[in-house]
Amino acid sequence: MTYVIAQPCVDVKDKACIEECPVDCIYEGPRKLYIHPDECVDCGACEPVCPVEAVFYEDSLPSRWADYATADRDFFTAVGSPGGAAAQPPLETDHPVVAAEPSGGSAR
């Protein structure tokens, strides 16, 4: 299990979670931030600092956003494990689940 960034982050990307992450496992996509499931150490530092409450432990992810757990896993299957987000430019594409979200901010 790992932490997941869900729908409330889409088109918001506050980045407070990036600043708190001690292992640099939160990557930036065009519309959402993504937690690398193999790099995350499950410390939970990212969860309380998210101002839109988009970060969830995978077991606590609301069912309406279940696709976001799959999206983060699938996304990094294609991207691989860059070994730290800070040295990487923002990712060029979002997962199709994120890309399909209507634009214009979070729709809780």
Protein backbone atom coordinates (compact mmCIF):
# COMPACT_ATOMS: atom_id res chain seq x y z
CA MET A 1 0.00 0.00 0.00
CA THR A 2 1.01 3.58 -0.56
CA TYR A 3 -0.40 7.08 -0.58
CA VAL A 4 -2.43 8.33 -3.55
CA ILE A 5 -3.23 11.82 -4.79
CA ALA A 6 -6.86 11.89 -5.92
CA GLN A 7 -9.23 14.09 -7.92
CA PRO A 8 -9.17 17.22 -5.70
CA CYS A 9 -5.60 17.85 -6.90
CA VAL A 10 -6.59 18.04 -10.57
CA ASP A 11 -5.92 21.55 -11.88
CA VAL A 12 -4.88 22.71 -8.37
CA LYS A 13 -1.40 21.21 -7.76
CA ASP A 14 -0.69 23.17 -4.56
CA LYS A 15 2.69 21.39 -4.08
CA ALA A 16 2.75 21.63 -0.27
CA CYS A 17 3.02 17.84 -0.33
CA ILE A 18 6.18 18.04 -2.46
CA GLU A 19 7.80 20.32 0.11
CA GLU A 20 6.98 17.88 2.94
CA CYS A 21 7.97 14.63 1.21
CA PRO A 22 11.25 13.38 2.74
CA VAL A 23 11.95 10.92 -0.10
CA ASP A 24 11.13 13.10 -3.14
CA CYS A 25 8.54 10.69 -4.58
CA ILE A 26 5.88 13.19 -5.71
CA TYR A 27 6.08 13.98 -9.41
CA GLU A 28 4.30 16.75 -11.28
CA GLY A 29 2.09 16.05 -14.28
CA PRO A 30 0.34 18.66 -16.41
CA ARG A 31 -2.85 18.63 -14.29
CA LYS A 32 -2.09 16.60 -11.14
CA LEU A 33 0.69 15.48 -8.83
CA TYR A 34 1.52 11.77 -8.69
CA ILE A 35 3.03 9.70 -5.86
CA HIS A 36 5.42 7.03 -7.09
CA PRO A 37 4.20 3.85 -5.34
CA ASP A 38 7.65 2.19 -5.33
CA GLU A 39 9.45 5.27 -3.98
CA CYS A 40 6.90 6.22 -1.31
CA VAL A 41 7.88 5.07 2.20
CA ASP A 42 4.37 5.52 3.62
CA CYS A 43 5.46 8.18 6.11
CA GLY A 44 2.25 10.19 5.67
CA ALA A 45 3.94 13.60 5.78
CA CYS A 46 2.14 14.65 2.60
CA GLU A 47 -1.40 13.97 3.79
CA PRO A 48 -1.97 16.64 6.47
CA VAL A 49 -0.39 19.48 4.47
CA CYS A 50 -2.65 19.13 1.41
CA PRO A 51 -5.00 22.13 1.48
CA VAL A 52 -7.59 20.43 -0.76
CA GLU A 53 -7.46 17.06 1.05
CA ALA A 54 -6.43 15.15 -2.06
CA VAL A 55 -3.90 12.80 -0.42
CA PHE A 56 -5.13 9.47 0.95
CA TYR A 57 -3.61 6.27 2.20
CA GLU A 58 -4.63 3.78 -0.48
CA ASP A 59 -6.85 1.78 1.93
CA SER A 60 -8.68 5.01 2.88
CA LEU A 61 -9.22 6.32 -0.65
CA PRO A 62 -12.92 7.15 -1.15
CA SER A 63 -14.52 4.70 -3.57
CA ARG A 64 -15.54 7.51 -5.94
CA TRP A 65 -11.81 8.10 -6.58
CA ALA A 66 -10.66 4.46 -6.68
CA ASP A 67 -9.44 4.94 -10.25
CA TYR A 68 -6.76 7.31 -8.94
CA ALA A 69 -4.90 4.49 -7.15
CA THR A 70 -4.82 2.58 -10.41
CA ALA A 71 -3.85 5.73 -12.30
CA ASP A 72 -0.76 6.35 -10.14
CA ARG A 73 0.38 2.71 -10.40
CA ASP A 74 -0.26 2.51 -14.15
CA PHE A 75 1.34 5.89 -14.75
CA PHE A 76 4.65 4.83 -13.22
CA THR A 77 4.58 1.48 -14.99
CA ALA A 78 5.07 3.50 -18.17
CA VAL A 79 7.40 6.17 -16.70
CA GLY A 80 9.55 3.81 -14.66
CA SER A 81 11.41 4.83 -11.52
CA PRO A 82 13.36 8.04 -12.15
CA GLY A 83 14.69 7.95 -8.58
CA GLY A 84 13.53 11.32 -7.34
CA ALA A 85 11.19 13.99 -8.58
CA ALA A 86 13.30 17.09 -7.89
CA ALA A 87 15.78 16.31 -10.66
CA GLN A 88 13.02 15.60 -13.18
CA PRO A 89 11.16 18.10 -15.33
CA PRO A 90 7.37 17.99 -15.01
CA LEU A 91 5.94 14.92 -16.71
CA GLU A 92 4.61 15.59 -20.20
CA THR A 93 1.30 13.75 -20.00
CA ASP A 94 -1.28 12.76 -17.42
CA HIS A 95 -2.85 9.36 -16.96
CA PRO A 96 -6.08 9.00 -19.01
CA VAL A 97 -8.18 9.08 -15.81
CA VAL A 98 -6.81 12.55 -15.06
CA ALA A 99 -6.89 13.73 -18.66
CA ALA A 100 -10.59 12.82 -18.83
CA GLU A 101 -11.48 15.10 -15.89
CA PRO A 102 -13.28 18.30 -16.90
CA SER A 103 -10.96 21.31 -16.70
CA GLY A 104 -11.46 24.26 -14.44
CA GLY A 105 -10.42 23.15 -10.98
CA SER A 106 -11.40 20.56 -8.45
CA ALA A 107 -14.94 19.18 -8.59
CA ARG A 108 -15.34 17.46 -5.25
